[in-house]
């Protein structure tokens, strides 16, 4: 990591948990998938969201509590950053 990146990381780690989550989401959202099949248009994303919502409503999908999802994200981010 460059010195600038290290400083940014140090500063980011001083943020509150909700600010770090928002920052991480913004950073991840700024990345383009490497796999062409994962690059979707807005219409394709809306179709996927609707499909998942129907599946959840029909009992074909289960959901995790947000706290569990955030723990998993933090664990994965810490693993990537170490």
PDB file of N, CA and C in Angstrom:
ATOM      1  N   UNK A   1       0.837  -1.176   0.000  1.00  0.00           N
ATOM      2  CA  UNK A   1       0.000   0.000   0.000  1.00  0.00           C
ATOM      3  C   UNK A   1       0.884   1.242   0.000  1.00  0.00           C
ATOM      4  N   UNK A   2       0.460   2.205  -0.760  1.00  0.00           N
ATOM      5  CA  UNK A   2       1.217   3.461  -0.793  1.00  0.00           C
ATOM      6  C   UNK A   2       1.012   4.214   0.518  1.00  0.00           C
ATOM      7  N   UNK A   3       1.907   5.159   0.834  1.00  0.00           N
ATOM      8  CA  UNK A   3       1.731   5.956   2.046  1.00  0.00           C
ATOM      9  C   UNK A   3       0.388   6.705   2.077  1.00  0.00           C
ATOM     10  N   UNK A   4      -0.047   7.194   0.929  1.00  0.00           N
ATOM     11  CA  UNK A   4      -1.332   7.892   0.865  1.00  0.00           C
ATOM     12  C   UNK A   4      -2.472   6.950   1.205  1.00  0.00           C
ATOM     13  N   UNK A   5      -2.430   5.744   0.649  1.00  0.00           N
ATOM     14  CA  UNK A   5      -3.463   4.748   0.927  1.00  0.00           C
ATOM     15  C   UNK A   5      -3.439   4.345   2.391  1.00  0.00           C
ATOM     16  N   UNK A   6      -2.258   4.178   2.950  1.00  0.00           N
ATOM     17  CA  UNK A   6      -2.147   3.828   4.369  1.00  0.00           C
ATOM     18  C   UNK A   6      -2.747   4.913   5.251  1.00  0.00           C
ATOM     19  N   UNK A   7      -2.508   6.181   4.908  1.00  0.00           N
ATOM     20  CA  UNK A   7      -3.083   7.289   5.682  1.00  0.00           C
ATOM     21  C   UNK A   7      -4.595   7.293   5.561  1.00  0.00           C
ATOM     22  N   UNK A   8      -5.093   7.084   4.343  1.00  0.00           N
ATOM     23  CA  UNK A   8      -6.545   7.022   4.150  1.00  0.00           C
ATOM     24  C   UNK A   8      -7.158   5.906   4.990  1.00  0.00           C
ATOM     25  N   UNK A   9      -6.513   4.747   4.991  1.00  0.00           N
ATOM     26  CA  UNK A   9      -7.015   3.620   5.779  1.00  0.00           C
ATOM     27  C   UNK A   9      -7.006   3.956   7.264  1.00  0.00           C
ATOM     28  N   UNK A  10      -5.911   4.535   7.734  1.00  0.00           N
ATOM     29  CA  UNK A  10      -5.803   4.903   9.154  1.00  0.00           C
ATOM     30  C   UNK A  10      -6.924   5.874   9.528  1.00  0.00           C
ATOM     31  N   UNK A  11      -7.139   6.877   8.678  1.00  0.00           N
ATOM     32  CA  UNK A  11      -8.200   7.854   8.936  1.00  0.00           C
ATOM     33  C   UNK A  11      -9.580   7.187   8.876  1.00  0.00           C
ATOM     34  N   UNK A  12      -9.781   6.314   7.896  1.00  0.00           N
ATOM     35  CA  UNK A  12     -11.079   5.646   7.746  1.00  0.00           C
ATOM     36  C   UNK A  12     -11.400   4.774   8.951  1.00  0.00           C
ATOM     37  N   UNK A  13     -10.389   4.143   9.524  1.00  0.00           N
ATOM     38  CA  UNK A  13     -10.613   3.270  10.681  1.00  0.00           C
ATOM     39  C   UNK A  13     -11.009   4.062  11.928  1.00  0.00           C
ATOM     40  N   UNK A  14     -10.833   5.375  11.900  1.00  0.00           N
ATOM     41  CA  UNK A  14     -11.242   6.223  13.017  1.00  0.00           C
ATOM     42  C   UNK A  14     -12.720   6.623  12.928  1.00  0.00           C
ATOM     43  N   UNK A  15     -13.346   6.337  11.799  1.00  0.00           N
ATOM     44  CA  UNK A  15     -14.756   6.680  11.608  1.00  0.00           C
ATOM     45  C   UNK A  15     -15.642   5.765  12.442  1.00  0.00           C
ATOM     46  N   UNK A  16     -16.873   6.196  12.639  1.00  0.00           N
ATOM     47  CA  UNK A  16     -17.840   5.332  13.335  1.00  0.00           C
ATOM     48  C   UNK A  16     -18.148   4.120  12.456  1.00  0.00           C
ATOM     49  N   UNK A  17     -18.738   3.119  13.070  1.00  0.00           N
ATOM     50  CA  UNK A  17     -19.058   1.905  12.313  1.00  0.00           C
ATOM     51  C   UNK A  17     -19.973   2.209  11.137  1.00  0.00           C
ATOM     52  N   UNK A  18     -20.995   3.012  11.354  1.00  0.00           N
ATOM     53  CA  UNK A  18     -21.929   3.300  10.256  1.00  0.00           C
ATOM     54  C   UNK A  18     -21.239   4.086   9.143  1.00  0.00           C
ATOM     55  N   UNK A  19     -20.315   4.986   9.515  1.00  0.00           N
ATOM     56  CA  UNK A  19     -19.573   5.728   8.487  1.00  0.00           C
ATOM     57  C   UNK A  19     -18.641   4.798   7.712  1.00  0.00           C
ATOM     58  N   UNK A  20     -18.014   3.845   8.399  1.00  0.00           N
ATOM     59  CA  UNK A  20     -17.133   2.883   7.711  1.00  0.00           C
ATOM     60  C   UNK A  20     -17.939   2.000   6.765  1.00  0.00           C
ATOM     61  N   UNK A  21     -19.129   1.579   7.197  1.00  0.00           N
ATOM     62  CA  UNK A  21     -19.986   0.761   6.333  1.00  0.00           C
ATOM     63  C   UNK A  21     -20.363   1.552   5.086  1.00  0.00           C
ATOM     64  N   UNK A  22     -20.760   2.803   5.269  1.00  0.00           N
ATOM     65  CA  UNK A  22     -21.132   3.639   4.122  1.00  0.00           C
ATOM     66  C   UNK A  22     -19.956   3.845   3.184  1.00  0.00           C
ATOM     67  N   UNK A  23     -18.784   4.111   3.754  1.00  0.00           N
ATOM     68  CA  UNK A  23     -17.589   4.305   2.942  1.00  0.00           C
ATOM     69  C   UNK A  23     -17.244   3.038   2.164  1.00  0.00           C
ATOM     70  N   UNK A  24     -17.285   1.898   2.853  1.00  0.00           N
ATOM     71  CA  UNK A  24     -16.975   0.626   2.190  1.00  0.00           C
ATOM     72  C   UNK A  24     -17.962   0.355   1.059  1.00  0.00           C
ATOM     73  N   UNK A  25     -19.230   0.622   1.296  1.00  0.00           N
ATOM     74  CA  UNK A  25     -20.241   0.401   0.253  1.00  0.00           C
ATOM     75  C   UNK A  25     -19.982   1.301  -0.953  1.00  0.00           C
ATOM     76  N   UNK A  26     -19.631   2.550  -0.697  1.00  0.00           N
ATOM     77  CA  UNK A  26     -19.328   3.472  -1.797  1.00  0.00           C
ATOM     78  C   UNK A  26     -18.110   3.008  -2.586  1.00  0.00           C
ATOM     79  N   UNK A  27     -17.070   2.582  -1.877  1.00  0.00           N
ATOM     80  CA  UNK A  27     -15.860   2.119  -2.557  1.00  0.00           C
ATOM     81  C   UNK A  27     -16.139   0.868  -3.379  1.00  0.00           C
ATOM     82  N   UNK A  28     -16.843  -0.096  -2.781  1.00  0.00           N
ATOM     83  CA  UNK A  28     -17.159  -1.320  -3.513  1.00  0.00           C
ATOM     84  C   UNK A  28     -18.054  -1.033  -4.711  1.00  0.00           C
ATOM     85  N   UNK A  29     -18.981  -0.122  -4.527  1.00  0.00           N
ATOM     86  CA  UNK A  29     -19.873   0.238  -5.625  1.00  0.00           C
ATOM     87  C   UNK A  29     -19.170   0.927  -6.775  1.00  0.00           C
ATOM     88  N   UNK A  30     -18.012   1.500  -6.500  1.00  0.00           N
ATOM     89  CA  UNK A  30     -17.269   2.199  -7.550  1.00  0.00           C
ATOM     90  C   UNK A  30     -16.482   1.246  -8.446  1.00  0.00           C
ATOM     91  N   UNK A  31     -16.389  -0.016  -8.039  1.00  0.00           N
ATOM     92  CA  UNK A  31     -15.612  -0.994  -8.800  1.00  0.00           C
ATOM     93  C   UNK A  31     -16.475  -1.677  -9.848  1.00  0.00           C
ATOM     94  N   UNK A  32     -15.904  -1.879 -10.994  1.00  0.00           N
ATOM     95  CA  UNK A  32     -16.573  -2.637 -12.046  1.00  0.00           C
ATOM     96  C   UNK A  32     -16.201  -4.101 -11.893  1.00  0.00           C
ATOM     97  N   UNK A  33     -17.162  -4.999 -12.044  1.00  0.00           N
ATOM     98  CA  UNK A  33     -16.819  -6.423 -11.969  1.00  0.00           C
ATOM     99  C   UNK A  33     -15.825  -6.799 -13.061  1.00  0.00           C
ATOM    100  N   UNK A  34     -14.920  -7.720 -12.727  1.00  0.00           N
ATOM    101  CA  UNK A  34     -13.947  -8.201 -13.712  1.00  0.00           C
ATOM    102  C   UNK A  34     -14.582  -9.175 -14.695  1.00  0.00           C
ATOM    103  N   UNK A  35     -15.646  -9.808 -14.273  1.00  0.00           N
ATOM    104  CA  UNK A  35     -16.281 -10.838 -15.087  1.00  0.00           C
ATOM    105  C   UNK A  35     -17.413 -10.199 -15.891  1.00  0.00           C
ATOM    106  N   UNK A  36     -17.327 -10.244 -17.231  1.00  0.00           N
ATOM    107  CA  UNK A  36     -18.359  -9.596 -18.055  1.00  0.00           C
ATOM    108  C   UNK A  36     -19.781 -10.014 -17.699  1.00  0.00           C
ATOM    109  N   UNK A  37     -19.986 -11.260 -17.294  1.00  0.00           N
ATOM    110  CA  UNK A  37     -21.337 -11.714 -16.976  1.00  0.00           C
ATOM    111  C   UNK A  37     -21.878 -11.025 -15.725  1.00  0.00           C
ATOM    112  N   UNK A  38     -21.008 -10.417 -14.907  1.00  0.00           N
ATOM    113  CA  UNK A  38     -21.458  -9.713 -13.703  1.00  0.00           C
ATOM    114  C   UNK A  38     -21.711  -8.232 -13.961  1.00  0.00           C
ATOM    115  N   UNK A  39     -21.395  -7.761 -15.153  1.00  0.00           N
ATOM    116  CA  UNK A  39     -21.635  -6.372 -15.503  1.00  0.00           C
ATOM    117  C   UNK A  39     -23.066  -6.276 -16.021  1.00  0.00           C
ATOM    118  N   UNK A  40     -23.927  -5.638 -15.260  1.00  0.00           N
ATOM    119  CA  UNK A  40     -25.339  -5.601 -15.595  1.00  0.00           C
ATOM    120  C   UNK A  40     -25.819  -4.171 -15.788  1.00  0.00           C
ATOM    121  N   UNK A  41     -26.849  -4.051 -16.614  1.00  0.00           N
ATOM    122  CA  UNK A  41     -27.482  -2.751 -16.803  1.00  0.00           C
ATOM    123  C   UNK A  41     -28.431  -2.496 -15.632  1.00  0.00           C
ATOM    124  N   UNK A  42     -28.885  -1.258 -15.504  1.00  0.00           N
ATOM    125  CA  UNK A  42     -29.832  -0.936 -14.438  1.00  0.00           C
ATOM    126  C   UNK A  42     -31.100  -1.776 -14.577  1.00  0.00           C
ATOM    127  N   UNK A  43     -31.573  -1.972 -15.795  1.00  0.00           N
ATOM    128  CA  UNK A  43     -32.780  -2.774 -16.013  1.00  0.00           C
ATOM    129  C   UNK A  43     -32.547  -4.221 -15.567  1.00  0.00           C
ATOM    130  N   UNK A  44     -31.357  -4.757 -15.861  1.00  0.00           N
ATOM    131  CA  UNK A  44     -31.048  -6.131 -15.442  1.00  0.00           C
ATOM    132  C   UNK A  44     -30.995  -6.232 -13.917  1.00  0.00           C
ATOM    133  N   UNK A  45     -30.437  -5.213 -13.252  1.00  0.00           N
ATOM    134  CA  UNK A  45     -30.395  -5.224 -11.787  1.00  0.00           C
ATOM    135  C   UNK A  45     -31.801  -5.159 -11.208  1.00  0.00           C
ATOM    136  N   UNK A  46     -32.655  -4.311 -11.780  1.00  0.00           N
ATOM    137  CA  UNK A  46     -34.031  -4.226 -11.290  1.00  0.00           C
ATOM    138  C   UNK A  46     -34.761  -5.549 -11.459  1.00  0.00           C
ATOM    139  N   UNK A  47     -34.536  -6.210 -12.572  1.00  0.00           N
ATOM    140  CA  UNK A  47     -35.141  -7.524 -12.801  1.00  0.00           C
ATOM    141  C   UNK A  47     -34.653  -8.516 -11.748  1.00  0.00           C
ATOM    142  N   UNK A  48     -33.361  -8.480 -11.443  1.00  0.00           N
ATOM    143  CA  UNK A  48     -32.796  -9.388 -10.432  1.00  0.00           C
ATOM    144  C   UNK A  48     -33.356  -9.092  -9.040  1.00  0.00           C
ATOM    145  N   UNK A  49     -33.463  -7.813  -8.701  1.00  0.00           N
ATOM    146  CA  UNK A  49     -34.024  -7.442  -7.396  1.00  0.00           C
ATOM    147  C   UNK A  49     -35.469  -7.925  -7.288  1.00  0.00           C
ATOM    148  N   UNK A  50     -36.231  -7.738  -8.335  1.00  0.00           N
ATOM    149  CA  UNK A  50     -37.628  -8.195  -8.325  1.00  0.00           C
ATOM    150  C   UNK A  50     -37.700  -9.713  -8.205  1.00  0.00           C
ATOM    151  N   UNK A  51     -36.821 -10.429  -8.902  1.00  0.00           N
ATOM    152  CA  UNK A  51     -36.802 -11.892  -8.817  1.00  0.00           C
ATOM    153  C   UNK A  51     -36.518 -12.332  -7.387  1.00  0.00           C
ATOM    154  N   UNK A  52     -35.527 -11.696  -6.761  1.00  0.00           N
ATOM    155  CA  UNK A  52     -35.171 -12.068  -5.390  1.00  0.00           C
ATOM    156  C   UNK A  52     -36.288 -11.721  -4.415  1.00  0.00           C
ATOM    157  N   UNK A  53     -36.929 -10.580  -4.617  1.00  0.00           N
ATOM    158  CA  UNK A  53     -38.034 -10.187  -3.733  1.00  0.00           C
ATOM    159  C   UNK A  53     -39.180 -11.185  -3.828  1.00  0.00           C
ATOM    160  N   UNK A  54     -39.512 -11.610  -5.048  1.00  0.00           N
ATOM    161  CA  UNK A  54     -40.573 -12.622  -5.221  1.00  0.00           C
ATOM    162  C   UNK A  54     -40.189 -13.926  -4.550  1.00  0.00           C
ATOM    163  N   UNK A  55     -38.937 -14.344  -4.732  1.00  0.00           N
ATOM    164  CA  UNK A  55     -38.472 -15.599  -4.131  1.00  0.00           C
ATOM    165  C   UNK A  55     -38.540 -15.520  -2.606  1.00  0.00           C
ATOM    166  N   UNK A  56     -38.166 -14.377  -2.033  1.00  0.00           N
ATOM    167  CA  UNK A  56     -38.234 -14.206  -0.580  1.00  0.00           C
ATOM    168  C   UNK A  56     -39.684 -14.254  -0.115  1.00  0.00           C
ATOM    169  N   UNK A  57     -40.537 -13.517  -0.805  1.00  0.00           N
ATOM    170  CA  UNK A  57     -41.962 -13.470  -0.453  1.00  0.00           C
ATOM    171  C   UNK A  57     -42.593 -14.855  -0.529  1.00  0.00           C
ATOM    172  N   UNK A  58     -42.177 -15.656  -1.506  1.00  0.00           N
ATOM    173  CA  UNK A  58     -42.733 -16.994  -1.701  1.00  0.00           C
ATOM    174  C   UNK A  58     -42.070 -18.052  -0.823  1.00  0.00           C
ATOM    175  N   UNK A  59     -41.137 -17.631   0.032  1.00  0.00           N
ATOM    176  CA  UNK A  59     -40.488 -18.558   0.953  1.00  0.00           C
ATOM    177  C   UNK A  59     -39.362 -19.372   0.340  1.00  0.00           C
ATOM    178  N   UNK A  60     -38.903 -19.008  -0.853  1.00  0.00           N
ATOM    179  CA  UNK A  60     -37.824 -19.733  -1.516  1.00  0.00           C
ATOM    180  C   UNK A  60     -36.451 -19.222  -1.085  1.00  0.00           C
ATOM    181  N   UNK A  61     -36.399 -18.048  -0.477  1.00  0.00           N
ATOM    182  CA  UNK A  61     -35.154 -17.458   0.029  1.00  0.00           C
ATOM    183  C   UNK A  61     -35.348 -17.071   1.484  1.00  0.00           C
ATOM    184  N   UNK A  62     -34.286 -17.113   2.232  1.00  0.00           N
ATOM    185  CA  UNK A  62     -34.324 -16.618   3.600  1.00  0.00           C
ATOM    186  C   UNK A  62     -33.426 -15.394   3.684  1.00  0.00           C
ATOM    187  N   UNK A  63     -33.613 -14.618   4.714  1.00  0.00           N
ATOM    188  CA  UNK A  63     -32.808 -13.410   4.902  1.00  0.00           C
ATOM    189  C   UNK A  63     -32.003 -13.526   6.183  1.00  0.00           C
ATOM    190  N   UNK A  64     -30.903 -12.779   6.232  1.00  0.00           N
ATOM    191  CA  UNK A  64     -30.066 -12.719   7.427  1.00  0.00           C
ATOM    192  C   UNK A  64     -30.297 -11.373   8.100  1.00  0.00           C
ATOM    193  N   UNK A  65     -30.167 -11.330   9.407  1.00  0.00           N
ATOM    194  CA  UNK A  65     -30.250 -10.029  10.087  1.00  0.00           C
ATOM    195  C   UNK A  65     -29.103  -9.127   9.618  1.00  0.00           C
ATOM    196  N   UNK A  66     -29.380  -7.826   9.548  1.00  0.00           N
ATOM    197  CA  UNK A  66     -28.379  -6.872   9.069  1.00  0.00           C
ATOM    198  C   UNK A  66     -27.097  -6.947   9.889  1.00  0.00           C
ATOM    199  N   UNK A  67     -27.212  -7.116  11.206  1.00  0.00           N
ATOM    200  CA  UNK A  67     -26.014  -7.173  12.054  1.00  0.00           C
ATOM    201  C   UNK A  67     -25.108  -8.324  11.631  1.00  0.00           C
ATOM    202  N   UNK A  68     -25.702  -9.450  11.256  1.00  0.00           N
ATOM    203  CA  UNK A  68     -24.905 -10.600  10.807  1.00  0.00           C
ATOM    204  C   UNK A  68     -24.219 -10.298   9.477  1.00  0.00           C
ATOM    205  N   UNK A  69     -24.943  -9.655   8.584  1.00  0.00           N
ATOM    206  CA  UNK A  69     -24.379  -9.297   7.280  1.00  0.00           C
ATOM    207  C   UNK A  69     -23.207  -8.335   7.462  1.00  0.00           C
ATOM    208  N   UNK A  70     -23.388  -7.331   8.331  1.00  0.00           N
ATOM    209  CA  UNK A  70     -22.304  -6.369   8.569  1.00  0.00           C
ATOM    210  C   UNK A  70     -21.090  -7.047   9.198  1.00  0.00           C
ATOM    211  N   UNK A  71     -21.309  -8.010  10.094  1.00  0.00           N
ATOM    212  CA  UNK A  71     -20.179  -8.751  10.686  1.00  0.00           C
ATOM    213  C   UNK A  71     -19.409  -9.492   9.596  1.00  0.00           C
ATOM    214  N   UNK A  72     -20.139 -10.127   8.685  1.00  0.00           N
ATOM    215  CA  UNK A  72     -19.486 -10.853   7.588  1.00  0.00           C
ATOM    216  C   UNK A  72     -18.696  -9.895   6.699  1.00  0.00           C
ATOM    217  N   UNK A  73     -19.275  -8.740   6.408  1.00  0.00           N
ATOM    218  CA  UNK A  73     -18.584  -7.754   5.569  1.00  0.00           C
ATOM    219  C   UNK A  73     -17.318  -7.277   6.257  1.00  0.00           C
ATOM    220  N   UNK A  74     -17.414  -6.950   7.561  1.00  0.00           N
ATOM    221  CA  UNK A  74     -16.232  -6.504   8.304  1.00  0.00           C
ATOM    222  C   UNK A  74     -15.155  -7.582   8.303  1.00  0.00           C
ATOM    223  N   UNK A  75     -15.553  -8.834   8.521  1.00  0.00           N
ATOM    224  CA  UNK A  75     -14.592  -9.931   8.540  1.00  0.00           C
ATOM    225  C   UNK A  75     -13.891 -10.035   7.187  1.00  0.00           C
ATOM    226  N   UNK A  76     -14.650  -9.966   6.109  1.00  0.00           N
ATOM    227  CA  UNK A  76     -14.068 -10.074   4.769  1.00  0.00           C
ATOM    228  C   UNK A  76     -13.169  -8.879   4.457  1.00  0.00           C
ATOM    229  N   UNK A  77     -13.599  -7.683   4.846  1.00  0.00           N
ATOM    230  CA  UNK A  77     -12.772  -6.497   4.609  1.00  0.00           C
ATOM    231  C   UNK A  77     -11.476  -6.580   5.413  1.00  0.00           C
ATOM    232  N   UNK A  78     -11.564  -6.991   6.654  1.00  0.00           N
ATOM    233  CA  UNK A  78     -10.351  -7.122   7.473  1.00  0.00           C
ATOM    234  C   UNK A  78      -9.390  -8.133   6.867  1.00  0.00           C
ATOM    235  N   UNK A  79      -9.940  -9.212   6.330  1.00  0.00           N
ATOM    236  CA  UNK A  79      -9.101 -10.236   5.695  1.00  0.00           C
ATOM    237  C   UNK A  79      -8.416  -9.649   4.443  1.00  0.00           C
ATOM    238  N   UNK A  80      -9.165  -8.874   3.665  1.00  0.00           N
ATOM    239  CA  UNK A  80      -8.588  -8.253   2.467  1.00  0.00           C
ATOM    240  C   UNK A  80      -7.511  -7.232   2.810  1.00  0.00           C
ATOM    241  N   UNK A  81      -7.706  -6.507   3.904  1.00  0.00           N
ATOM    242  CA  UNK A  81      -6.790  -5.433   4.264  1.00  0.00           C
ATOM    243  C   UNK A  81      -5.573  -5.905   5.040  1.00  0.00           C
ATOM    244  N   UNK A  82      -5.600  -7.146   5.508  1.00  0.00           N
ATOM    245  CA  UNK A  82      -4.443  -7.615   6.296  1.00  0.00           C
ATOM    246  C   UNK A  82      -3.412  -8.300   5.431  1.00  0.00           C
TER     247      UNK A  82
END
